[in-house]
Amino acid sequence: MKTIFNLLFLLCFSIGLTAQDVFKEELFSADLVMKYRTDLNLSDAQAEKIKTAYASQIGDFNSLKWDLDAALNDLNKALANTKIDKPGAITKMEKVTALEDRLKRVRLGMMIDIKNVLTADQQKTLKSLRTEADVNTPTFHIAAINENPRMVLKVNGDKAGGVQPLFVLVNSKGDISYVTSMEHLDPEKIASVNVLKGESAISKYGQDGKNGVVIITIKD
């Protein structure tokens, strides 16, 4: 079942990567701008406009992402059947691709609003400052928590190449453990999932957090 889901996910999210390459080359995320805000001499007014542009659309983005997660899981279940209802599976796939398209539109709109806040000189400076890691469109892989298709973590990186985030488990007493696999974790015991990336991840976890950190709080 995990193999089916991985293949499905790669199919859905590899489509349109060329367009996303253009996004990363010519547009800027809020995280990227804020990362270099001092170098850009970003004014307080500009910073507030960027925060507003981000906040006004991130709710819609997350809502669509949750709907996409549900649609992917629904399609995954259909494909896991011994006998697949072909018309039904195609309909589910169309729903997945439609949601993905809407997600891209929201993301594009957000990044356009952010770029329009910056001056031409700031845009030029930002392009010169950003690293290859800032520009490259991330690939996606699935880190399955267990065989339950309702519970998966989508994270940036290349699992095969060893580029994946640091997974941190925190129990109710605050005890911390580091794991490389979520497959044996009972989803019913998950209280919350938080993600750190960039400088915030490195400052707290050192170089172990350079690819991001997924912090999973466990219930009693």
N, C-alpha and C. Protein backbone atom coordinates (compact mmCIF):
# COMPACT_ATOMS: atom_id res chain seq x y z
N MET A 1 0.82 -1.20 0.00
CA MET A 1 0.00 0.00 0.00
C MET A 1 0.86 1.25 0.00
N LYS A 2 1.94 1.25 0.75
CA LYS A 2 2.83 2.41 0.78
C LYS A 2 3.44 2.65 -0.59
N THR A 3 3.77 1.55 -1.29
CA THR A 3 4.35 1.70 -2.62
C THR A 3 3.36 2.38 -3.56
N ILE A 4 2.09 1.96 -3.50
CA ILE A 4 1.06 2.57 -4.33
C ILE A 4 0.95 4.05 -4.03
N PHE A 5 0.95 4.40 -2.74
CA PHE A 5 0.79 5.80 -2.36
C PHE A 5 1.98 6.62 -2.81
N ASN A 6 3.19 6.07 -2.66
CA ASN A 6 4.39 6.80 -3.08
C ASN A 6 4.35 7.08 -4.58
N LEU A 7 4.00 6.06 -5.38
CA LEU A 7 3.93 6.25 -6.82
C LEU A 7 2.88 7.27 -7.19
N LEU A 8 1.74 7.20 -6.52
CA LEU A 8 0.67 8.15 -6.77
C LEU A 8 1.10 9.56 -6.45
N PHE A 9 1.76 9.73 -5.31
CA PHE A 9 2.16 11.06 -4.88
C PHE A 9 3.18 11.66 -5.84
N LEU A 10 4.14 10.84 -6.27
CA LEU A 10 5.14 11.31 -7.22
C LEU A 10 4.48 11.70 -8.54
N LEU A 11 3.48 10.94 -8.97
CA LEU A 11 2.77 11.26 -10.19
C LEU A 11 2.08 12.61 -10.08
N CYS A 12 1.42 12.83 -8.98
CA CYS A 12 0.65 14.06 -8.82
C CYS A 12 1.55 15.30 -8.72
N PHE A 13 2.66 15.18 -8.01
CA PHE A 13 3.44 16.37 -7.70
C PHE A 13 4.63 16.57 -8.61
N SER A 14 4.92 15.62 -9.49
CA SER A 14 5.96 15.85 -10.47
C SER A 14 5.42 16.64 -11.65
N ILE A 15 4.08 16.61 -11.87
CA ILE A 15 3.46 17.38 -12.93
C ILE A 15 3.53 18.85 -12.58
N GLY A 16 4.01 19.66 -13.50
CA GLY A 16 4.05 21.09 -13.27
C GLY A 16 5.28 21.59 -12.55
N LEU A 17 6.33 20.76 -12.41
CA LEU A 17 7.53 21.21 -11.73
C LEU A 17 8.23 22.31 -12.50
N THR A 18 8.08 22.32 -13.84
CA THR A 18 8.69 23.39 -14.62
C THR A 18 8.13 24.74 -14.22
N ALA A 19 6.82 24.80 -14.03
CA ALA A 19 6.20 26.05 -13.59
C ALA A 19 6.71 26.45 -12.22
N GLN A 20 6.90 25.45 -11.32
CA GLN A 20 7.40 25.76 -10.00
C GLN A 20 8.84 26.24 -10.05
N ASP A 21 9.62 25.75 -11.02
CA ASP A 21 10.98 26.24 -11.20
C ASP A 21 10.97 27.74 -11.49
N VAL A 22 10.01 28.17 -12.33
CA VAL A 22 9.88 29.58 -12.65
C VAL A 22 9.52 30.36 -11.40
N PHE A 23 8.63 29.80 -10.58
CA PHE A 23 8.26 30.46 -9.32
C PHE A 23 9.52 30.75 -8.50
N LYS A 24 10.36 29.74 -8.33
CA LYS A 24 11.51 29.87 -7.46
C LYS A 24 12.58 30.79 -8.06
N GLU A 25 12.65 30.86 -9.38
CA GLU A 25 13.65 31.71 -10.02
C GLU A 25 13.26 33.18 -9.96
N GLU A 26 11.99 33.47 -10.22
CA GLU A 26 11.56 34.85 -10.39
C GLU A 26 10.77 35.42 -9.22
N LEU A 27 10.26 34.55 -8.36
CA LEU A 27 9.46 35.00 -7.23
C LEU A 27 10.15 34.64 -5.92
N PHE A 28 9.62 35.17 -4.82
CA PHE A 28 10.27 34.99 -3.53
C PHE A 28 9.23 34.64 -2.47
N SER A 29 9.57 33.66 -1.64
CA SER A 29 8.69 33.30 -0.54
C SER A 29 8.87 34.29 0.60
N ALA A 30 7.89 34.31 1.50
CA ALA A 30 7.99 35.18 2.68
C ALA A 30 9.19 34.79 3.53
N ASP A 31 9.42 33.47 3.68
CA ASP A 31 10.56 33.00 4.47
C ASP A 31 11.88 33.52 3.91
N LEU A 32 12.01 33.49 2.58
CA LEU A 32 13.25 33.94 1.95
C LEU A 32 13.47 35.42 2.17
N VAL A 33 12.44 36.22 1.99
CA VAL A 33 12.58 37.67 2.17
C VAL A 33 12.95 37.99 3.61
N MET A 34 12.27 37.34 4.56
CA MET A 34 12.55 37.61 5.97
C MET A 34 13.93 37.11 6.39
N LYS A 35 14.40 36.07 5.72
CA LYS A 35 15.74 35.55 6.01
C LYS A 35 16.81 36.60 5.73
N TYR A 36 16.58 37.40 4.68
CA TYR A 36 17.57 38.40 4.26
C TYR A 36 17.07 39.83 4.48
N ARG A 37 16.14 40.03 5.38
CA ARG A 37 15.52 41.34 5.55
C ARG A 37 16.53 42.41 5.92
N THR A 38 17.53 42.07 6.73
CA THR A 38 18.55 43.05 7.11
C THR A 38 19.39 43.45 5.90
N ASP A 39 19.82 42.46 5.12
CA ASP A 39 20.63 42.74 3.93
C ASP A 39 19.85 43.55 2.91
N LEU A 40 18.54 43.38 2.88
CA LEU A 40 17.70 44.10 1.93
C LEU A 40 17.30 45.48 2.42
N ASN A 41 17.63 45.79 3.67
CA ASN A 41 17.18 47.04 4.30
C ASN A 41 15.65 47.14 4.21
N LEU A 42 15.02 46.05 4.51
CA LEU A 42 13.56 46.01 4.44
C LEU A 42 12.98 46.94 5.50
N SER A 43 12.10 47.81 5.09
CA SER A 43 11.49 48.74 6.03
C SER A 43 10.42 48.03 6.85
N ASP A 44 10.05 48.64 7.97
CA ASP A 44 8.99 48.07 8.81
C ASP A 44 7.68 47.98 8.03
N ALA A 45 7.42 48.99 7.20
CA ALA A 45 6.19 49.00 6.42
C ALA A 45 6.18 47.86 5.40
N GLN A 46 7.32 47.62 4.77
CA GLN A 46 7.42 46.51 3.82
C GLN A 46 7.22 45.17 4.53
N ALA A 47 7.87 45.04 5.69
CA ALA A 47 7.75 43.79 6.44
C ALA A 47 6.31 43.50 6.81
N GLU A 48 5.57 44.54 7.22
CA GLU A 48 4.17 44.35 7.59
C GLU A 48 3.32 43.97 6.39
N LYS A 49 3.61 44.56 5.22
CA LYS A 49 2.87 44.21 4.01
C LYS A 49 3.10 42.75 3.62
N ILE A 50 4.35 42.30 3.77
CA ILE A 50 4.67 40.91 3.45
C ILE A 50 3.97 39.97 4.42
N LYS A 51 3.99 40.31 5.70
CA LYS A 51 3.29 39.50 6.69
C LYS A 51 1.80 39.43 6.39
N THR A 52 1.23 40.57 5.98
CA THR A 52 -0.19 40.61 5.66
C THR A 52 -0.51 39.75 4.43
N ALA A 53 0.35 39.85 3.40
CA ALA A 53 0.16 39.05 2.19
C ALA A 53 0.22 37.56 2.51
N TYR A 54 1.13 37.20 3.40
CA TYR A 54 1.27 35.80 3.80
C TYR A 54 0.06 35.35 4.62
N ALA A 55 -0.29 36.16 5.61
CA ALA A 55 -1.37 35.77 6.52
C ALA A 55 -2.72 35.72 5.82
N SER A 56 -2.92 36.57 4.80
CA SER A 56 -4.23 36.63 4.13
C SER A 56 -4.49 35.41 3.26
N GLN A 57 -3.44 34.68 2.90
CA GLN A 57 -3.62 33.56 1.98
C GLN A 57 -3.21 32.20 2.57
N ILE A 58 -2.48 32.20 3.68
CA ILE A 58 -2.01 30.94 4.22
C ILE A 58 -3.16 30.07 4.74
N GLY A 59 -4.26 30.72 5.19
CA GLY A 59 -5.41 29.96 5.64
C GLY A 59 -6.03 29.16 4.50
N ASP A 60 -6.21 29.83 3.35
CA ASP A 60 -6.75 29.13 2.17
C ASP A 60 -5.80 28.03 1.72
N PHE A 61 -4.48 28.32 1.78
CA PHE A 61 -3.49 27.33 1.36
C PHE A 61 -3.58 26.08 2.22
N ASN A 62 -3.62 26.25 3.53
CA ASN A 62 -3.68 25.10 4.44
C ASN A 62 -4.99 24.33 4.27
N SER A 63 -6.10 25.05 4.08
CA SER A 63 -7.38 24.38 3.89
C SER A 63 -7.36 23.51 2.64
N LEU A 64 -6.80 24.05 1.55
CA LEU A 64 -6.70 23.27 0.31
C LEU A 64 -5.76 22.09 0.49
N LYS A 65 -4.67 22.29 1.24
CA LYS A 65 -3.71 21.21 1.46
C LYS A 65 -4.37 20.07 2.22
N TRP A 66 -5.18 20.40 3.21
CA TRP A 66 -5.88 19.35 3.96
C TRP A 66 -6.87 18.61 3.06
N ASP A 67 -7.57 19.36 2.22
CA ASP A 67 -8.49 18.72 1.27
C ASP A 67 -7.72 17.82 0.31
N LEU A 68 -6.54 18.27 -0.12
CA LEU A 68 -5.73 17.47 -1.02
C LEU A 68 -5.25 16.19 -0.33
N ASP A 69 -4.85 16.30 0.92
CA ASP A 69 -4.44 15.12 1.68
C ASP A 69 -5.57 14.09 1.71
N ALA A 70 -6.79 14.57 1.99
CA ALA A 70 -7.95 13.67 2.06
C ALA A 70 -8.23 13.04 0.70
N ALA A 71 -8.13 13.84 -0.36
CA ALA A 71 -8.39 13.32 -1.71
C ALA A 71 -7.35 12.29 -2.11
N LEU A 72 -6.09 12.52 -1.76
CA LEU A 72 -5.03 11.55 -2.04
C LEU A 72 -5.27 10.24 -1.30
N ASN A 73 -5.67 10.34 -0.05
CA ASN A 73 -5.95 9.14 0.73
C ASN A 73 -7.13 8.37 0.14
N ASP A 74 -8.15 9.11 -0.32
CA ASP A 74 -9.31 8.48 -0.92
C ASP A 74 -8.92 7.73 -2.19
N LEU A 75 -8.10 8.37 -3.01
CA LEU A 75 -7.64 7.72 -4.24
C LEU A 75 -6.75 6.53 -3.93
N ASN A 76 -5.91 6.67 -2.92
CA ASN A 76 -5.03 5.58 -2.52
C ASN A 76 -5.83 4.34 -2.13
N LYS A 77 -6.92 4.54 -1.40
CA LYS A 77 -7.77 3.41 -1.01
C LYS A 77 -8.38 2.74 -2.22
N ALA A 78 -8.80 3.55 -3.19
CA ALA A 78 -9.41 3.00 -4.40
C ALA A 78 -8.41 2.17 -5.19
N LEU A 79 -7.16 2.63 -5.27
CA LEU A 79 -6.13 1.92 -6.01
C LEU A 79 -5.64 0.68 -5.27
N ALA A 80 -5.87 0.61 -3.97
CA ALA A 80 -5.43 -0.55 -3.20
C ALA A 80 -6.36 -1.74 -3.35
N ASN A 81 -7.56 -1.53 -3.92
CA ASN A 81 -8.51 -2.63 -4.11
C ASN A 81 -7.98 -3.65 -5.12
N THR A 82 -8.33 -4.91 -4.92
CA THR A 82 -7.92 -5.95 -5.86
C THR A 82 -8.51 -5.69 -7.24
N LYS A 83 -9.78 -5.29 -7.28
CA LYS A 83 -10.44 -4.90 -8.51
C LYS A 83 -10.71 -3.40 -8.44
N ILE A 84 -10.12 -2.65 -9.33
CA ILE A 84 -10.23 -1.19 -9.27
C ILE A 84 -11.36 -0.69 -10.17
N ASP A 85 -12.18 0.18 -9.61
CA ASP A 85 -13.22 0.86 -10.38
C ASP A 85 -12.54 1.97 -11.19
N LYS A 86 -12.27 1.70 -12.46
CA LYS A 86 -11.49 2.62 -13.28
C LYS A 86 -12.13 4.01 -13.39
N PRO A 87 -13.42 4.12 -13.76
CA PRO A 87 -14.04 5.46 -13.84
C PRO A 87 -13.99 6.19 -12.50
N GLY A 88 -14.25 5.44 -11.41
CA GLY A 88 -14.22 6.07 -10.10
C GLY A 88 -12.84 6.56 -9.73
N ALA A 89 -11.80 5.76 -10.05
CA ALA A 89 -10.43 6.15 -9.75
C ALA A 89 -10.02 7.38 -10.56
N ILE A 90 -10.44 7.43 -11.81
CA ILE A 90 -10.11 8.59 -12.65
C ILE A 90 -10.79 9.85 -12.10
N THR A 91 -12.02 9.71 -11.65
CA THR A 91 -12.73 10.85 -11.05
C THR A 91 -12.00 11.35 -9.81
N LYS A 92 -11.53 10.41 -8.98
CA LYS A 92 -10.79 10.80 -7.77
C LYS A 92 -9.48 11.48 -8.15
N MET A 93 -8.83 10.98 -9.20
CA MET A 93 -7.58 11.59 -9.65
C MET A 93 -7.82 13.01 -10.16
N GLU A 94 -8.93 13.22 -10.85
CA GLU A 94 -9.26 14.56 -11.34
C GLU A 94 -9.47 15.53 -10.18
N LYS A 95 -10.06 15.02 -9.09
CA LYS A 95 -10.24 15.86 -7.90
C LYS A 95 -8.88 16.24 -7.30
N VAL A 96 -7.96 15.26 -7.27
CA VAL A 96 -6.62 15.52 -6.75
C VAL A 96 -5.91 16.59 -7.57
N THR A 97 -5.92 16.44 -8.88
CA THR A 97 -5.21 17.40 -9.73
C THR A 97 -5.85 18.78 -9.68
N ALA A 98 -7.19 18.84 -9.53
CA ALA A 98 -7.87 20.13 -9.42
C ALA A 98 -7.46 20.85 -8.14
N LEU A 99 -7.38 20.11 -7.04
CA LEU A 99 -6.96 20.71 -5.77
C LEU A 99 -5.51 21.16 -5.83
N GLU A 100 -4.66 20.36 -6.48
CA GLU A 100 -3.26 20.75 -6.62
C GLU A 100 -3.15 22.03 -7.42
N ASP A 101 -3.94 22.15 -8.49
CA ASP A 101 -3.92 23.36 -9.31
C ASP A 101 -4.34 24.59 -8.49
N ARG A 102 -5.36 24.42 -7.66
CA ARG A 102 -5.80 25.54 -6.82
C ARG A 102 -4.73 25.91 -5.80
N LEU A 103 -4.03 24.92 -5.27
CA LEU A 103 -2.93 25.19 -4.35
C LEU A 103 -1.85 26.03 -5.02
N LYS A 104 -1.50 25.65 -6.24
CA LYS A 104 -0.47 26.39 -6.98
C LYS A 104 -0.89 27.82 -7.24
N ARG A 105 -2.17 28.01 -7.53
CA ARG A 105 -2.68 29.35 -7.79
C ARG A 105 -2.58 30.24 -6.55
N VAL A 106 -2.95 29.66 -5.40
CA VAL A 106 -2.85 30.43 -4.15
C VAL A 106 -1.40 30.78 -3.86
N ARG A 107 -0.51 29.81 -4.04
CA ARG A 107 0.91 30.04 -3.80
C ARG A 107 1.46 31.09 -4.75
N LEU A 108 1.08 31.01 -6.01
CA LEU A 108 1.54 32.00 -7.00
C LEU A 108 1.07 33.39 -6.62
N GLY A 109 -0.21 33.52 -6.26
CA GLY A 109 -0.74 34.81 -5.87
C GLY A 109 0.00 35.40 -4.68
N MET A 110 0.29 34.55 -3.69
CA MET A 110 1.01 34.99 -2.50
C MET A 110 2.40 35.51 -2.86
N MET A 111 3.10 34.77 -3.71
CA MET A 111 4.47 35.15 -4.06
C MET A 111 4.51 36.40 -4.95
N ILE A 112 3.49 36.58 -5.77
CA ILE A 112 3.41 37.81 -6.57
C ILE A 112 3.21 39.01 -5.66
N ASP A 113 2.30 38.89 -4.69
CA ASP A 113 2.07 39.99 -3.74
C ASP A 113 3.34 40.34 -2.99
N ILE A 114 4.11 39.33 -2.61
CA ILE A 114 5.35 39.56 -1.87
C ILE A 114 6.39 40.26 -2.75
N LYS A 115 6.53 39.81 -3.99
CA LYS A 115 7.50 40.44 -4.89
C LYS A 115 7.14 41.90 -5.14
N ASN A 116 5.86 42.19 -5.27
CA ASN A 116 5.43 43.55 -5.56
C ASN A 116 5.71 44.52 -4.42
N VAL A 117 5.97 44.02 -3.25
CA VAL A 117 6.32 44.87 -2.11
C VAL A 117 7.77 45.35 -2.22
N LEU A 118 8.62 44.55 -2.86
CA LEU A 118 10.05 44.84 -2.93
C LEU A 118 10.37 45.80 -4.07
N THR A 119 11.38 46.63 -3.86
CA THR A 119 11.85 47.51 -4.93
C THR A 119 12.68 46.70 -5.92
N ALA A 120 12.95 47.29 -7.08
CA ALA A 120 13.76 46.61 -8.09
C ALA A 120 15.14 46.29 -7.54
N ASP A 121 15.74 47.22 -6.78
CA ASP A 121 17.07 46.99 -6.21
C ASP A 121 17.03 45.87 -5.18
N GLN A 122 15.98 45.82 -4.38
CA GLN A 122 15.87 44.76 -3.38
C GLN A 122 15.72 43.40 -4.04
N GLN A 123 14.95 43.35 -5.12
CA GLN A 123 14.80 42.09 -5.84
C GLN A 123 16.13 41.63 -6.42
N LYS A 124 16.89 42.56 -6.96
CA LYS A 124 18.20 42.22 -7.52
C LYS A 124 19.14 41.73 -6.44
N THR A 125 19.12 42.41 -5.28
CA THR A 125 19.97 42.00 -4.16
C THR A 125 19.58 40.63 -3.65
N LEU A 126 18.28 40.37 -3.55
CA LEU A 126 17.81 39.10 -3.04
C LEU A 126 18.22 37.95 -3.95
N LYS A 127 18.17 38.17 -5.25
CA LYS A 127 18.59 37.14 -6.19
C LYS A 127 20.08 36.82 -6.04
N SER A 128 20.86 37.84 -5.72
CA SER A 128 22.30 37.62 -5.56
C SER A 128 22.64 36.96 -4.23
N LEU A 129 21.79 37.14 -3.23
CA LEU A 129 22.06 36.60 -1.89
C LEU A 129 21.59 35.17 -1.71
N ARG A 130 20.51 34.81 -2.35
CA ARG A 130 19.93 33.49 -2.10
C ARG A 130 20.85 32.38 -2.61
N THR A 131 20.81 31.28 -1.91
CA THR A 131 21.68 30.15 -2.23
C THR A 131 20.98 29.20 -3.19
N GLU A 132 21.72 28.19 -3.63
CA GLU A 132 21.14 27.18 -4.51
C GLU A 132 20.01 26.45 -3.81
N ALA A 133 20.17 26.24 -2.51
CA ALA A 133 19.12 25.57 -1.74
C ALA A 133 17.85 26.41 -1.70
N ASP A 134 18.01 27.75 -1.70
CA ASP A 134 16.84 28.63 -1.70
C ASP A 134 16.09 28.54 -3.03
N VAL A 135 16.84 28.36 -4.12
CA VAL A 135 16.25 28.39 -5.45
C VAL A 135 15.62 27.07 -5.85
N ASN A 136 16.31 25.97 -5.51
CA ASN A 136 15.87 24.67 -5.99
C ASN A 136 14.48 24.31 -5.48
N THR A 137 13.64 23.87 -6.36
CA THR A 137 12.32 23.38 -5.98
C THR A 137 12.49 22.07 -5.24
N PRO A 138 11.93 21.93 -4.03
CA PRO A 138 12.11 20.68 -3.31
C PRO A 138 11.36 19.54 -3.95
N THR A 139 11.91 18.34 -3.84
CA THR A 139 11.16 17.14 -4.21
C THR A 139 10.41 16.68 -2.97
N PHE A 140 9.41 15.87 -3.16
CA PHE A 140 8.59 15.42 -2.05
C PHE A 140 8.67 13.91 -1.91
N HIS A 141 8.69 13.46 -0.70
CA HIS A 141 8.53 12.03 -0.47
C HIS A 141 7.60 11.83 0.71
N ILE A 142 7.10 10.64 0.84
CA ILE A 142 6.18 10.31 1.93
C ILE A 142 6.94 9.63 3.05
N ALA A 143 6.77 10.14 4.26
CA ALA A 143 7.30 9.45 5.44
C ALA A 143 6.09 8.87 6.15
N ALA A 144 5.83 7.60 5.93
CA ALA A 144 4.63 6.99 6.48
C ALA A 144 4.76 6.81 7.98
N ILE A 145 3.70 7.13 8.70
CA ILE A 145 3.70 6.91 10.15
C ILE A 145 3.41 5.44 10.43
N ASN A 146 2.47 4.87 9.72
CA ASN A 146 2.23 3.43 9.78
C ASN A 146 1.46 3.04 8.53
N GLU A 147 0.87 1.86 8.52
CA GLU A 147 0.17 1.40 7.34
C GLU A 147 -1.19 2.09 7.16
N ASN A 148 -1.63 2.83 8.15
CA ASN A 148 -2.90 3.52 8.05
C ASN A 148 -2.78 4.65 7.04
N PRO A 149 -3.50 4.59 5.90
CA PRO A 149 -3.32 5.61 4.88
C PRO A 149 -3.84 6.98 5.28
N ARG A 150 -4.53 7.09 6.42
CA ARG A 150 -5.00 8.40 6.85
C ARG A 150 -3.89 9.22 7.47
N MET A 151 -2.81 8.58 7.88
CA MET A 151 -1.77 9.29 8.60
C MET A 151 -0.45 9.22 7.84
N VAL A 152 -0.10 10.29 7.18
CA VAL A 152 1.19 10.38 6.51
C VAL A 152 1.76 11.76 6.73
N LEU A 153 3.08 11.84 6.69
CA LEU A 153 3.76 13.12 6.76
C LEU A 153 4.36 13.40 5.40
N LYS A 154 4.08 14.56 4.81
CA LYS A 154 4.72 14.96 3.57
C LYS A 154 5.83 15.94 3.96
N VAL A 155 7.05 15.62 3.59
CA VAL A 155 8.18 16.44 3.96
C VAL A 155 9.05 16.67 2.76
N ASN A 156 9.84 17.76 2.82
CA ASN A 156 10.75 18.05 1.73
C ASN A 156 11.99 17.17 1.82
N GLY A 157 12.55 16.86 0.68
CA GLY A 157 13.82 16.15 0.68
C GLY A 157 13.80 14.92 -0.19
N ASP A 158 14.91 14.23 -0.18
CA ASP A 158 15.07 13.02 -0.99
C ASP A 158 15.47 11.90 -0.04
N LYS A 159 14.51 11.05 0.29
CA LYS A 159 14.77 10.00 1.26
C LYS A 159 15.89 9.08 0.81
N ALA A 160 15.89 8.74 -0.50
CA ALA A 160 16.91 7.83 -1.02
C ALA A 160 18.30 8.41 -0.89
N GLY A 161 18.40 9.74 -1.04
CA GLY A 161 19.71 10.38 -0.97
C GLY A 161 20.10 10.80 0.44
N GLY A 162 19.26 10.48 1.41
CA GLY A 162 19.59 10.80 2.78
C GLY A 162 19.26 12.23 3.17
N VAL A 163 18.64 12.99 2.26
CA VAL A 163 18.28 14.37 2.56
C VAL A 163 16.85 14.37 3.07
N GLN A 164 16.71 14.32 4.36
CA GLN A 164 15.38 14.32 4.96
C GLN A 164 15.48 15.02 6.31
N PRO A 165 14.35 15.45 6.84
CA PRO A 165 14.38 16.20 8.10
C PRO A 165 14.74 15.32 9.29
N LEU A 166 15.04 15.98 10.38
CA LEU A 166 15.27 15.31 11.65
C LEU A 166 13.92 15.12 12.33
N PHE A 167 13.61 13.90 12.75
CA PHE A 167 12.35 13.61 13.43
C PHE A 167 12.61 13.57 14.94
N VAL A 168 11.84 14.36 15.66
CA VAL A 168 12.00 14.47 17.12
C VAL A 168 10.68 14.09 17.79
N LEU A 169 10.75 13.13 18.70
CA LEU A 169 9.58 12.74 19.48
C LEU A 169 9.67 13.35 20.87
N VAL A 170 8.57 13.95 21.33
CA VAL A 170 8.52 14.56 22.66
C VAL A 170 7.33 13.97 23.40
N ASN A 171 7.58 13.35 24.57
CA ASN A 171 6.46 12.78 25.32
C ASN A 171 5.86 13.82 26.25
N SER A 172 4.84 13.43 26.99
CA SER A 172 4.12 14.37 27.86
C SER A 172 4.98 14.94 28.98
N LYS A 173 6.08 14.25 29.30
CA LYS A 173 6.99 14.74 30.35
C LYS A 173 8.07 15.65 29.79
N GLY A 174 8.09 15.80 28.48
CA GLY A 174 9.10 16.64 27.86
C GLY A 174 10.36 15.90 27.46
N ASP A 175 10.37 14.57 27.66
CA ASP A 175 11.54 13.78 27.26
C ASP A 175 11.62 13.73 25.74
N ILE A 176 12.84 13.84 25.22
CA ILE A 176 13.05 13.92 23.77
C ILE A 176 13.79 12.70 23.27
N SER A 177 13.37 12.19 22.11
CA SER A 177 14.09 11.10 21.45
C SER A 177 14.13 11.42 19.95
N TYR A 178 15.17 10.91 19.30
CA TYR A 178 15.36 11.15 17.87
C TYR A 178 15.15 9.83 17.13
N VAL A 179 14.35 9.86 16.07
CA VAL A 179 14.05 8.65 15.33
C VAL A 179 14.22 8.90 13.83
N THR A 180 14.39 7.83 13.10
CA THR A 180 14.54 7.93 11.64
C THR A 180 13.34 7.37 10.91
N SER A 181 12.42 6.73 11.64
CA SER A 181 11.26 6.13 11.00
C SER A 181 10.02 6.36 11.86
N MET A 182 8.90 6.64 11.20
CA MET A 182 7.62 6.85 11.88
C MET A 182 6.68 5.66 11.73
N GLU A 183 7.17 4.59 11.11
CA GLU A 183 6.28 3.50 10.71
C GLU A 183 5.61 2.79 11.88
N HIS A 184 6.23 2.80 13.04
CA HIS A 184 5.68 2.05 14.18
C HIS A 184 4.99 2.98 15.19
N LEU A 185 4.77 4.22 14.79
CA LEU A 185 4.13 5.17 15.69
C LEU A 185 2.62 5.12 15.53
N ASP A 186 1.90 4.94 16.63
CA ASP A 186 0.44 4.90 16.61
C ASP A 186 -0.09 6.32 16.41
N PRO A 187 -0.82 6.57 15.32
CA PRO A 187 -1.31 7.92 15.05
C PRO A 187 -2.25 8.44 16.13
N GLU A 188 -2.90 7.52 16.86
CA GLU A 188 -3.81 7.95 17.92
C GLU A 188 -3.07 8.59 19.09
N LYS A 189 -1.75 8.36 19.15
CA LYS A 189 -0.96 8.90 20.26
C LYS A 189 -0.35 10.26 19.91
N ILE A 190 -0.58 10.76 18.71
CA ILE A 190 0.01 12.03 18.30
C ILE A 190 -0.86 13.18 18.81
N ALA A 191 -0.24 14.06 19.60
CA ALA A 191 -0.95 15.23 20.11
C ALA A 191 -0.81 16.42 19.17
N SER A 192 0.39 16.59 18.59
CA SER A 192 0.61 17.70 17.67
C SER A 192 1.87 17.43 16.85
N VAL A 193 1.95 18.11 15.71
CA VAL A 193 3.12 18.04 14.85
C VAL A 193 3.53 19.46 14.50
N ASN A 194 4.77 19.81 14.78
CA ASN A 194 5.30 21.13 14.45
C ASN A 194 6.53 20.98 13.57
N VAL A 195 6.77 21.95 12.72
CA VAL A 195 7.89 21.90 11.79
C VAL A 195 8.76 23.13 11.95
N LEU A 196 10.06 22.92 12.07
CA LEU A 196 11.04 24.01 12.05
C LEU A 196 11.87 23.89 10.80
N LYS A 197 12.27 25.01 10.23
CA LYS A 197 13.13 24.96 9.06
C LYS A 197 14.05 26.17 9.04
N GLY A 198 15.05 26.09 8.19
CA GLY A 198 15.98 27.20 8.05
C GLY A 198 16.79 27.46 9.30
N GLU A 199 17.01 28.75 9.57
CA GLU A 199 17.86 29.15 10.69
C GLU A 199 17.29 28.73 12.04
N SER A 200 15.97 28.72 12.17
CA SER A 200 15.36 28.35 13.46
C SER A 200 15.65 26.89 13.79
N ALA A 201 15.65 26.02 12.75
CA ALA A 201 15.95 24.61 12.97
C ALA A 201 17.41 24.40 13.32
N ILE A 202 18.30 25.11 12.61
CA ILE A 202 19.73 24.95 12.85
C ILE A 202 20.13 25.53 14.20
N SER A 203 19.54 26.67 14.57
CA SER A 203 19.90 27.29 15.85
C SER A 203 19.53 26.42 17.04
N LYS A 204 18.47 25.61 16.87
CA LYS A 204 18.01 24.77 17.99
C LYS A 204 18.62 23.38 17.97
N TYR A 205 18.85 22.83 16.76
CA TYR A 205 19.32 21.45 16.65
C TYR A 205 20.66 21.31 15.94
N GLY A 206 21.31 22.43 15.65
CA GLY A 206 22.61 22.37 14.99
C GLY A 206 22.50 21.86 13.57
N GLN A 207 23.59 21.29 13.07
CA GLN A 207 23.60 20.80 11.68
C GLN A 207 22.65 19.62 11.46
N ASP A 208 22.25 18.95 12.54
CA ASP A 208 21.27 17.86 12.40
C ASP A 208 19.93 18.39 11.89
N GLY A 209 19.70 19.70 12.09
CA GLY A 209 18.44 20.28 11.67
C GLY A 209 18.52 21.05 10.36
N LYS A 210 19.62 20.88 9.62
CA LYS A 210 19.82 21.67 8.40
C LYS A 210 18.77 21.37 7.33
N ASN A 211 18.18 20.19 7.36
CA ASN A 211 17.15 19.83 6.38
C ASN A 211 15.74 19.99 6.95
N GLY A 212 15.64 20.67 8.09
CA GLY A 212 14.37 20.84 8.73
C GLY A 212 14.17 19.86 9.88
N VAL A 213 13.24 20.18 10.76
CA VAL A 213 12.96 19.35 11.92
C VAL A 213 11.45 19.16 12.05
N VAL A 214 11.02 17.91 12.20
CA VAL A 214 9.62 17.59 12.44
C VAL A 214 9.50 17.17 13.90
N ILE A 215 8.81 17.97 14.68
CA ILE A 215 8.67 17.71 16.13
C ILE A 215 7.27 17.14 16.38
N ILE A 216 7.24 15.91 16.89
CA ILE A 216 5.98 15.22 17.11
C ILE A 216 5.78 15.02 18.61
N THR A 217 4.73 15.63 19.13
CA THR A 217 4.41 15.51 20.56
C THR A 217 3.46 14.34 20.76
N ILE A 218 3.81 13.47 21.70
CA ILE A 218 3.07 12.23 21.94
C ILE A 218 2.21 12.35 23.20
N LYS A 219 0.99 11.82 23.12
CA LYS A 219 0.11 11.79 24.28
C LYS A 219 0.55 10.70 25.24
N ASP A 220 0.03 10.74 26.47
CA ASP A 220 0.26 9.67 27.45
C ASP A 220 -0.36 8.38 26.95
